[in-house]
Amino acid sequence: MAKIAQISAKYIIQSTIQIDGIVDRPDVIGAIFGQTEGLLGNDLELRELQRSGRIGRIEVNISSKGGKSQGEIIIPSSLDKAETAIVGAALEIIQRIGPCNAKIRVNSIEDIRVNKRQYVISRAKELLKTLMDEVMPDSQELSDEVAYSVRVMEIKEWGRDRLPAGPGIDDNEDIILVEGRADVLNLLKHGFKNAISINGTNIPETIIELCHEKVITIFTDGDRGGDLIIKELIARSAEIDFVIKAPDGKEVEELTKKEIHKALRSKIAAEQYRLDTRGVSRAPAKREVRKPPVRKDERRTTTKTATTRTDTRRPTARPAARPAARPAPRTVERKPAPRKKTVSLTEKQKEKLGELLEDLLGTHGAYVLDQKLEILGKVPGSELTGTIQSLKGGMYAIVFDGQVDSDLVKTCEDAGIPFVVGMSADATSRRLSILTSEDIL
């Protein structure tokens, strides 16, 4: 059987040798075989072990300097741990090589399989990472890809101008106008099926007719092109109800789901947009002419002069009538105004209220919550006041997709509800906390 190499062995015996003299490599190898012969028995005889392939080729590296030699001895072994350790210890009994004194010290017995195992683990990690990143996507990526493909397949061409639109353009009363096909695809990807594309800055007649039939929200990119499209629609007398613009420098096709929801919550009425862009800036503001301040001395002098002039105009001064005795003023004890009740919310509670408010977006409905912020019921916004009045108690918060007005505030105060959450608010209260979407989202 051929001698084993280091790469096919299980263990490597690594030792150092120091010799008081100059010797060659064959002298060291001969000393190893000669001085260990018969020491360990027939089963561990180095020549027999090497002949059977259980001990590999003995490598000796010697260098001489200043009349002395030193180097290293490497012996590969396929024996078990105990037998390999015995062979390594047997090397240290060698005290002379030729006529020179020598000393051999075994530094370590290295397990080759440990290094191979570490290499296998490291390489397996690299292969697994490549498999996960490039070959095998996870289940979420698969479901997202399938859902996106289905939504892309749902896009259709609408009207005689064959405009790209979502599948819900006929069924929905609220329509979102966007600039191009990519914008419609992005809204479809995030679940908005009521979008239709204008296809550029030239407004088709189909869009003008649609504006007279539906509630229209124009959603443009955050650049000057978006402003031009809005102005063109207004110039064409299109009945636009709401206006939304993407953040500055961003396009609708680049927005994430959260950014789209945030933009929809911040929409403004078309009339307000007209006032902000042109109505207010045309009329020049009147300059207020400030009069110089009047000193106290001048004020007194002016008063005296006016009194003197008035007296000289009257020929005879009538005696002043004696004023009637006035009743003593009544002292009314004023009660201090009740302080506004401040209730603090944890971040977890704000996050849950924000999720519920976002879930109601576009429904104009309301959630009635208990002390643990669990949903007691969901009601339409038109029936919210009546529902609160009919319930006897147990209500802790109201989450409403709409504006919190004074009537709703009074109803909640009478019912003892400490929290009211809405998209916006035009009322205040000292007895309950009113939160808007800006406070919790």
Protein backbone atom coordinates (compact mmCIF):
# COMPACT_ATOMS: atom_id res chain seq x y z
CA MET A 1 0.00 0.00 0.00
CA ALA A 2 1.29 3.47 -0.84
CA LYS A 3 2.32 5.89 1.88
CA ILE A 4 -0.40 8.34 2.92
CA ALA A 5 0.00 12.06 2.38
CA GLN A 6 -0.87 14.82 4.80
CA ILE A 7 -4.12 15.68 3.04
CA SER A 8 -5.46 12.11 3.43
CA ALA A 9 -4.34 11.55 7.05
CA LYS A 10 -6.45 12.01 10.15
CA TYR A 11 -3.77 13.50 12.41
CA ILE A 12 -0.50 15.43 11.95
CA ILE A 13 2.27 15.12 14.56
CA GLN A 14 4.23 18.39 14.59
CA SER A 15 7.50 18.51 16.54
CA THR A 16 10.72 20.51 16.68
CA ILE A 17 14.31 19.24 16.88
CA GLN A 18 17.49 20.88 18.17
CA ILE A 19 20.92 19.25 17.52
CA ASP A 20 24.31 20.23 18.93
CA GLY A 21 26.09 19.71 15.64
CA ILE A 22 25.60 19.53 11.92
CA VAL A 23 23.59 16.59 10.56
CA ASP A 24 21.59 15.85 7.43
CA ARG A 25 17.99 14.85 6.89
CA PRO A 26 18.67 11.12 6.36
CA ASP A 27 20.50 11.04 9.71
CA VAL A 28 17.40 12.28 11.52
CA ILE A 29 15.04 9.84 9.75
CA GLY A 30 17.41 6.93 10.43
CA ALA A 31 17.59 7.87 14.10
CA ILE A 32 13.79 7.96 14.36
CA PHE A 33 13.37 4.46 12.90
CA GLY A 34 16.43 2.99 14.64
CA GLN A 35 15.89 4.27 18.18
CA THR A 36 12.14 3.50 18.28
CA GLU A 37 12.53 -0.03 16.86
CA GLY A 38 11.14 -2.61 19.28
CA LEU A 39 10.08 0.10 21.74
CA LEU A 40 6.32 0.04 21.12
CA GLY A 41 5.79 -3.57 20.08
CA ASN A 42 5.01 -5.12 16.75
CA ASP A 43 1.67 -3.35 16.34
CA LEU A 44 3.23 0.12 16.59
CA GLU A 45 6.49 -0.54 14.78
CA LEU A 46 7.08 2.57 12.61
CA ARG A 47 8.42 0.62 9.62
CA GLU A 48 5.41 -1.72 9.60
CA LEU A 49 3.01 1.17 10.11
CA GLN A 50 4.57 3.04 7.22
CA ARG A 51 4.55 -0.06 5.03
CA SER A 52 0.81 -0.60 5.71
CA GLY A 53 -0.01 3.06 5.05
CA ARG A 54 -1.05 3.95 8.60
CA ILE A 55 1.93 6.28 9.01
CA GLY A 56 2.77 8.60 6.14
CA ARG A 57 6.05 9.93 4.80
CA ILE A 58 8.13 11.53 7.55
CA GLU A 59 9.13 15.04 6.56
CA VAL A 60 12.22 16.61 8.15
CA ASN A 61 13.28 20.20 7.53
CA ILE A 62 16.77 20.99 8.92
CA SER A 63 18.81 24.20 8.84
CA SER A 64 22.33 24.64 10.24
CA LYS A 65 23.88 27.78 11.71
CA GLY A 66 26.84 28.35 14.00
CA GLY A 67 27.68 24.67 14.27
CA LYS A 68 24.18 23.72 15.40
CA SER A 69 21.14 22.42 13.58
CA GLN A 70 17.45 22.89 14.20
CA GLY A 71 14.25 22.21 12.33
CA GLU A 72 10.87 20.49 12.41
CA ILE A 73 9.54 16.96 12.00
CA ILE A 74 6.06 16.32 10.51
CA ILE A 75 4.51 12.84 10.63
CA PRO A 76 1.00 12.20 9.15
CA SER A 77 -0.99 9.46 10.88
CA SER A 78 -4.15 7.46 10.21
CA LEU A 79 -4.07 5.73 13.61
CA ASP A 80 -6.58 6.54 16.30
CA LYS A 81 -6.02 9.26 18.89
CA ALA A 82 -4.33 7.11 21.50
CA GLU A 83 -1.97 5.35 19.09
CA THR A 84 -1.03 8.64 17.43
CA ALA A 85 -0.23 10.17 20.82
CA ILE A 86 1.97 7.14 21.69
CA VAL A 87 3.93 7.52 18.45
CA GLY A 88 4.39 11.25 19.14
CA ALA A 89 5.63 10.61 22.66
CA ALA A 90 8.07 7.97 21.37
CA LEU A 91 9.86 10.64 19.33
CA GLU A 92 10.90 12.49 22.47
CA ILE A 93 13.09 9.60 23.69
CA ILE A 94 15.60 10.27 20.90
CA GLN A 95 18.59 11.96 22.58
CA ARG A 96 21.39 11.47 20.03
CA ILE A 97 21.61 11.66 16.25
CA GLY A 98 24.95 10.30 15.09
CA PRO A 99 27.66 11.71 17.34
CA CYS A 100 25.58 14.81 18.31
CA ASN A 101 23.22 15.37 21.16
CA ALA A 102 19.64 16.05 20.11
CA LYS A 103 16.36 17.05 21.67
CA ILE A 104 12.93 16.48 20.07
CA ARG A 105 9.79 18.17 21.42
CA VAL A 106 6.27 17.39 20.15
CA ASN A 107 4.43 20.72 19.93
CA SER A 108 0.97 19.57 18.86
CA ILE A 109 -1.10 16.82 17.30
CA GLU A 110 -3.46 18.46 14.82
CA ASP A 111 -6.77 16.89 13.85
CA ILE A 112 -7.06 17.37 10.11
CA ARG A 113 -10.79 16.61 10.19
CA VAL A 114 -11.49 19.68 12.33
CA ASN A 115 -10.04 21.98 9.67
CA LYS A 116 -11.93 20.12 6.99
CA ARG A 117 -15.13 20.37 9.00
CA GLN A 118 -14.68 24.12 9.44
CA TYR A 119 -14.10 24.50 5.72
CA VAL A 120 -17.23 22.44 4.98
CA ILE A 121 -19.34 24.60 7.33
CA SER A 122 -17.99 27.87 5.91
CA ARG A 123 -18.51 26.74 2.33
CA ALA A 124 -22.00 25.41 3.13
CA LYS A 125 -22.99 28.85 4.51
CA GLU A 126 -21.84 30.51 1.31
CA LEU A 127 -23.74 28.02 -0.86
CA LEU A 128 -26.89 28.37 1.24
CA LYS A 129 -26.77 32.17 1.06
CA THR A 130 -26.38 31.99 -2.72
CA LEU A 131 -29.28 29.56 -2.91
CA MET A 132 -31.56 31.80 -0.83
CA ASP A 133 -30.61 35.04 -2.57
CA GLU A 134 -30.54 33.95 -6.20
CA VAL A 135 -32.22 30.59 -6.62
CA MET A 136 -34.94 30.02 -4.05
CA PRO A 137 -37.03 33.03 -2.90
CA ASP A 138 -38.93 32.76 0.37
CA SER A 139 -42.68 32.31 0.61
CA GLN A 140 -43.35 36.02 1.18
CA GLU A 141 -41.48 36.97 -1.99
CA LEU A 142 -43.39 34.32 -3.92
CA SER A 143 -46.74 35.54 -2.65
CA ASP A 144 -45.82 39.18 -3.34
CA GLU A 145 -44.69 38.32 -6.86
CA VAL A 146 -47.88 36.36 -7.57
CA ALA A 147 -50.08 39.12 -6.13
CA TYR A 148 -48.24 41.75 -8.17
CA SER A 149 -48.61 39.68 -11.35
CA VAL A 150 -52.34 39.27 -10.73
CA ARG A 151 -52.79 42.98 -10.14
CA VAL A 152 -50.83 43.83 -13.27
CA MET A 153 -53.08 41.46 -15.21
CA GLU A 154 -56.10 43.34 -13.84
CA ILE A 155 -55.17 46.61 -15.57
CA LYS A 156 -57.44 47.41 -18.49
CA GLU A 157 -58.06 50.06 -21.16
CA TRP A 158 -61.00 52.33 -20.44
CA GLY A 159 -63.04 54.63 -22.65
CA ARG A 160 -62.70 55.53 -26.29
CA ASP A 161 -59.22 56.92 -25.62
CA ARG A 162 -58.18 53.48 -24.28
CA LEU A 163 -56.68 54.91 -21.09
CA PRO A 164 -54.88 52.56 -18.63
CA ALA A 165 -57.13 52.06 -15.60
CA GLY A 166 -57.73 49.75 -12.67
CA PRO A 167 -60.52 47.16 -12.60
CA GLY A 168 -62.64 49.16 -10.14
CA ILE A 169 -62.98 52.28 -12.28
CA ASP A 170 -66.64 51.52 -13.12
CA ASP A 171 -67.80 50.40 -9.69
CA ASN A 172 -66.20 53.09 -7.50
CA GLU A 173 -67.68 56.52 -7.02
CA ASP A 174 -64.27 57.95 -6.06
CA ILE A 175 -61.69 58.04 -8.86
CA ILE A 176 -57.95 58.82 -8.65
CA LEU A 177 -56.39 60.51 -11.69
CA VAL A 178 -52.68 59.86 -12.21
CA GLU A 179 -50.22 60.82 -14.94
CA GLY A 180 -49.11 57.54 -16.54
CA ARG A 181 -49.51 53.79 -16.77
CA ALA A 182 -46.67 53.14 -14.28
CA ASP A 183 -48.56 55.16 -11.65
CA VAL A 184 -51.67 53.01 -12.16
CA LEU A 185 -49.56 49.85 -11.79
CA ASN A 186 -48.02 51.10 -8.53
CA LEU A 187 -51.44 51.91 -7.08
CA LEU A 188 -52.72 48.49 -8.19
CA LYS A 189 -49.73 46.88 -6.48
CA HIS A 190 -50.76 48.43 -3.18
CA GLY A 191 -54.48 47.63 -3.52
CA PHE A 192 -55.93 50.80 -5.11
CA LYS A 193 -58.07 49.64 -8.04
CA ASN A 194 -59.86 52.93 -8.80
CA ALA A 195 -57.02 54.75 -10.59
CA ILE A 196 -56.94 55.92 -14.21
CA SER A 197 -54.14 57.47 -16.23
CA ILE A 198 -54.34 60.80 -18.10
CA ASN A 199 -51.47 59.75 -20.42
CA GLY A 200 -49.54 63.01 -20.49
CA THR A 201 -50.32 66.70 -20.17
CA ASN A 202 -52.94 66.72 -22.96
CA ILE A 203 -56.18 66.03 -21.13
CA PRO A 204 -58.46 63.68 -23.15
CA GLU A 205 -62.17 64.39 -23.47
CA THR A 206 -62.86 61.08 -21.75
CA ILE A 207 -61.33 62.45 -18.55
CA ILE A 208 -63.37 65.67 -18.79
CA GLU A 209 -66.57 63.63 -19.07
CA LEU A 210 -65.51 61.40 -16.18
CA CYS A 211 -64.93 64.44 -13.98
CA HIS A 212 -68.62 65.40 -14.36
CA GLU A 213 -69.79 61.94 -13.23
CA LYS A 214 -67.46 60.88 -10.39
CA VAL A 215 -65.75 62.32 -7.31
CA ILE A 216 -62.30 63.07 -8.73
CA THR A 217 -58.99 63.22 -6.86
CA ILE A 218 -55.98 64.25 -8.97
CA PHE A 219 -52.73 62.62 -7.76
CA THR A 220 -49.65 64.04 -9.55
CA ASP A 221 -45.88 63.80 -9.23
CA GLY A 222 -43.97 66.17 -7.00
CA ASP A 223 -42.54 68.27 -9.85
CA ARG A 224 -43.54 71.15 -12.10
CA GLY A 225 -45.19 68.79 -14.56
CA GLY A 226 -47.73 67.88 -11.89
CA ASP A 227 -48.59 71.57 -11.38
CA LEU A 228 -49.09 72.02 -15.13
CA ILE A 229 -51.51 69.08 -15.29
CA ILE A 230 -53.58 70.47 -12.41
CA LYS A 231 -53.69 73.93 -14.05
CA GLU A 232 -54.69 72.36 -17.37
CA LEU A 233 -57.58 70.50 -15.72
CA ILE A 234 -58.75 73.67 -14.01
CA ALA A 235 -58.46 75.64 -17.26
CA ARG A 236 -60.55 72.99 -19.06
CA SER A 237 -63.30 73.50 -16.44
CA ALA A 238 -62.95 69.94 -15.22
CA GLU A 239 -64.79 69.35 -11.96
CA ILE A 240 -61.88 68.33 -9.75
CA ASP A 241 -62.84 67.70 -6.11
CA PHE A 242 -59.50 67.03 -4.40
CA VAL A 243 -55.81 67.59 -5.17
CA ILE A 244 -52.85 65.46 -4.00
CA LYS A 245 -49.18 65.93 -4.83
CA ALA A 246 -46.38 63.45 -4.23
CA PRO A 247 -43.46 64.59 -2.03
CA ASP A 248 -41.04 66.97 -3.74
CA GLY A 249 -38.79 65.21 -6.24
CA LYS A 250 -40.74 61.93 -6.12
CA GLU A 251 -43.05 60.31 -8.64
CA VAL A 252 -46.23 58.40 -7.87
CA GLU A 253 -44.76 55.21 -9.35
CA GLU A 254 -41.93 55.35 -6.75
CA LEU A 255 -44.09 55.72 -3.64
CA THR A 256 -44.44 52.99 -1.04
CA LYS A 257 -47.75 51.92 0.46
CA LYS A 258 -47.21 54.03 3.57
CA GLU A 259 -46.34 57.12 1.50
CA ILE A 260 -49.48 56.66 -0.63
CA HIS A 261 -51.69 56.42 2.47
CA LYS A 262 -50.03 59.51 3.94
CA ALA A 263 -50.58 61.45 0.71
CA LEU A 264 -54.26 60.45 0.59
CA ARG A 265 -54.75 61.65 4.15
CA SER A 266 -53.26 65.05 3.28
CA LYS A 267 -55.45 65.77 0.24
CA ILE A 268 -56.95 69.26 -0.04
CA ALA A 269 -60.06 70.54 -1.75
CA ALA A 270 -59.69 71.91 -5.25
CA GLU A 271 -61.12 75.29 -4.18
CA GLN A 272 -58.48 75.57 -1.48
CA TYR A 273 -55.78 74.73 -4.04
CA ARG A 274 -57.03 77.50 -6.33
CA LEU A 275 -56.93 80.01 -3.47
CA ASP A 276 -53.44 78.93 -2.43
CA THR A 277 -52.03 79.22 -5.95
CA ARG A 278 -53.67 82.32 -7.40
CA GLY A 279 -56.59 83.84 -5.45
CA VAL A 280 -54.83 85.36 -2.49
CA SER A 281 -51.67 86.65 -4.15
CA ARG A 282 -53.39 88.92 -6.71
CA ALA A 283 -54.85 91.55 -4.36
CA PRO A 284 -52.07 93.78 -3.01
CA ALA A 285 -52.13 94.15 0.72
CA LYS A 286 -52.99 97.58 2.06
CA ARG A 287 -50.20 99.27 3.89
CA GLU A 288 -51.12 100.18 7.39
CA VAL A 289 -50.16 103.74 8.27
CA ARG A 290 -49.00 103.85 11.83
CA LYS A 291 -49.46 107.03 13.80
CA PRO A 292 -46.56 108.19 15.92
CA PRO A 293 -47.02 107.45 19.61
CA VAL A 294 -48.44 110.28 21.72
CA ARG A 295 -46.69 111.14 24.94
CA LYS A 296 -48.59 111.43 28.19
CA ASP A 297 -47.78 115.15 28.55
CA GLU A 298 -49.05 115.93 25.05
CA ARG A 299 -52.21 113.88 25.70
CA ARG A 300 -52.98 115.88 28.85
CA THR A 301 -52.34 119.21 27.06
CA THR A 302 -54.61 118.22 24.19
CA THR A 303 -57.38 117.21 26.58
CA LYS A 304 -57.19 120.50 28.49
CA THR A 305 -57.24 122.57 25.29
CA ALA A 306 -60.26 120.68 23.98
CA THR A 307 -62.07 121.24 27.28
CA THR A 308 -61.28 124.97 27.24
CA ARG A 309 -62.57 125.37 23.72
CA THR A 310 -65.76 123.56 24.57
CA ASP A 311 -66.38 125.79 27.57
CA THR A 312 -65.90 129.00 25.60
CA ARG A 313 -68.52 128.01 23.07
CA ARG A 314 -71.23 127.68 25.76
CA PRO A 315 -72.50 131.10 27.04
CA THR A 316 -73.68 129.84 30.40
CA ALA A 317 -72.74 126.73 32.17
CA ARG A 318 -75.62 124.86 33.70
CA PRO A 319 -75.09 123.53 37.20
CA ALA A 320 -74.38 119.84 37.08
CA ALA A 321 -77.13 117.69 38.46
CA ARG A 322 -76.27 115.80 41.58
CA PRO A 323 -75.69 112.22 40.63
CA ALA A 324 -77.93 109.64 42.19
CA ALA A 325 -76.42 107.29 44.67
CA ARG A 326 -75.32 104.10 42.98
CA PRO A 327 -75.98 100.77 44.62
CA ALA A 328 -72.99 98.91 45.95
CA PRO A 329 -71.59 96.49 43.41
CA ARG A 330 -72.43 92.84 43.97
CA THR A 331 -69.48 90.60 44.51
CA VAL A 332 -69.86 87.46 42.47
CA GLU A 333 -67.64 84.59 43.45
CA ARG A 334 -66.09 83.19 40.32
CA LYS A 335 -65.32 79.51 40.20
CA PRO A 336 -62.07 78.57 38.54
CA ALA A 337 -62.52 77.03 35.10
CA PRO A 338 -62.11 73.28 35.14
CA ARG A 339 -58.73 72.18 33.97
CA LYS A 340 -58.40 70.15 30.85
CA LYS A 341 -57.99 66.52 31.66
CA THR A 342 -54.67 65.28 30.33
CA VAL A 343 -54.38 61.61 29.60
CA SER A 344 -51.09 60.21 28.41
CA LEU A 345 -50.85 57.38 25.94
CA THR A 346 -48.08 54.86 25.60
CA GLU A 347 -46.33 54.37 22.29
CA LYS A 348 -47.95 50.95 21.97
CA GLN A 349 -51.42 52.45 22.44
CA LYS A 350 -50.69 55.19 19.88
CA GLU A 351 -49.47 52.58 17.42
CA LYS A 352 -52.65 50.53 17.83
CA LEU A 353 -54.89 53.60 17.45
CA GLY A 354 -52.92 54.55 14.33
CA GLU A 355 -53.46 51.09 12.85
CA LEU A 356 -57.20 51.28 13.52
CA LEU A 357 -57.42 54.76 11.99
CA GLU A 358 -55.49 53.62 8.92
CA ASP A 359 -57.80 50.61 8.63
CA LEU A 360 -60.79 52.98 8.46
CA LEU A 361 -59.25 55.14 5.75
CA GLY A 362 -61.79 55.88 3.03
CA THR A 363 -64.73 54.15 4.78
CA HIS A 364 -66.07 57.18 6.74
CA GLY A 365 -66.82 54.75 9.53
CA ALA A 366 -65.93 54.58 13.21
CA TYR A 367 -64.69 52.06 15.78
CA VAL A 368 -65.99 52.03 19.36
CA LEU A 369 -63.25 50.74 21.72
CA ASP A 370 -63.20 49.52 25.32
CA GLN A 371 -60.63 50.06 28.08
CA LYS A 372 -58.23 47.53 26.50
CA LEU A 373 -58.60 49.22 23.07
CA GLU A 374 -60.53 46.20 21.80
CA ILE A 375 -63.24 46.85 19.18
CA LEU A 376 -66.75 46.84 20.62
CA GLY A 377 -68.29 47.57 17.24
CA LYS A 378 -67.94 49.32 13.90
CA VAL A 379 -70.62 51.81 12.81
CA PRO A 380 -71.08 54.22 9.87
CA GLY A 381 -70.17 57.82 10.56
CA SER A 382 -73.80 58.94 10.13
CA GLU A 383 -74.92 56.62 12.96
CA LEU A 384 -72.04 57.30 15.36
CA THR A 385 -73.83 59.86 17.56
CA GLY A 386 -76.92 57.72 17.94
CA THR A 387 -74.84 54.64 18.76
CA ILE A 388 -72.92 56.46 21.51
CA GLN A 389 -76.17 57.74 23.04
CA SER A 390 -77.77 54.29 22.98
CA LEU A 391 -74.86 52.49 24.71
CA LYS A 392 -74.97 52.63 28.51
CA GLY A 393 -71.24 52.51 29.24
CA GLY A 394 -67.98 50.63 28.76
CA MET A 395 -66.76 52.97 25.98
CA TYR A 396 -63.21 54.23 26.28
CA ALA A 397 -62.27 55.62 22.85
CA ILE A 398 -63.80 56.50 19.48
CA VAL A 399 -61.75 56.17 16.27
CA PHE A 400 -63.48 58.06 13.44
CA ASP A 401 -62.55 58.43 9.76
CA GLY A 402 -63.67 62.04 9.55
CA GLN A 403 -63.55 65.41 11.23
CA VAL A 404 -64.27 65.66 14.95
CA ASP A 405 -66.83 68.47 15.35
CA SER A 406 -68.46 70.05 18.37
CA ASP A 407 -71.58 67.82 18.23
CA LEU A 408 -69.49 64.65 18.42
CA VAL A 409 -67.39 66.13 21.22
CA LYS A 410 -70.50 67.01 23.28
CA THR A 411 -71.95 63.54 22.77
CA CYS A 412 -68.71 61.91 23.90
CA GLU A 413 -68.50 64.22 26.94
CA ASP A 414 -72.01 63.27 28.00
CA ALA A 415 -71.14 59.57 27.60
CA GLY A 416 -67.91 59.93 29.62
CA ILE A 417 -65.57 58.86 26.82
CA PRO A 418 -62.02 60.09 27.49
CA PHE A 419 -60.59 59.69 23.94
CA VAL A 420 -61.75 60.74 20.48
CA VAL A 421 -59.47 60.06 17.49
CA GLY A 422 -60.22 61.51 14.05
CA MET A 423 -58.54 62.51 10.81
CA SER A 424 -58.86 66.18 11.84
CA ALA A 425 -60.64 68.29 14.45
CA ASP A 426 -62.34 71.68 14.55
CA ALA A 427 -63.43 71.55 18.20
CA THR A 428 -61.78 71.57 21.61
CA SER A 429 -62.76 70.12 24.96
CA ARG A 430 -61.71 70.36 28.60
CA ARG A 431 -63.18 67.01 29.57
CA LEU A 432 -61.73 64.66 26.94
CA SER A 433 -58.62 64.27 24.78
CA ILE A 434 -58.97 64.85 21.04
CA LEU A 435 -56.29 63.26 18.86
CA THR A 436 -55.80 63.59 15.12
CA SER A 437 -53.90 61.58 12.54
CA GLU A 438 -50.88 63.86 12.99
CA ASP A 439 -50.67 62.92 16.67
CA ILE A 440 -50.64 59.13 16.27
CA LEU A 441 -49.41 58.39 12.71
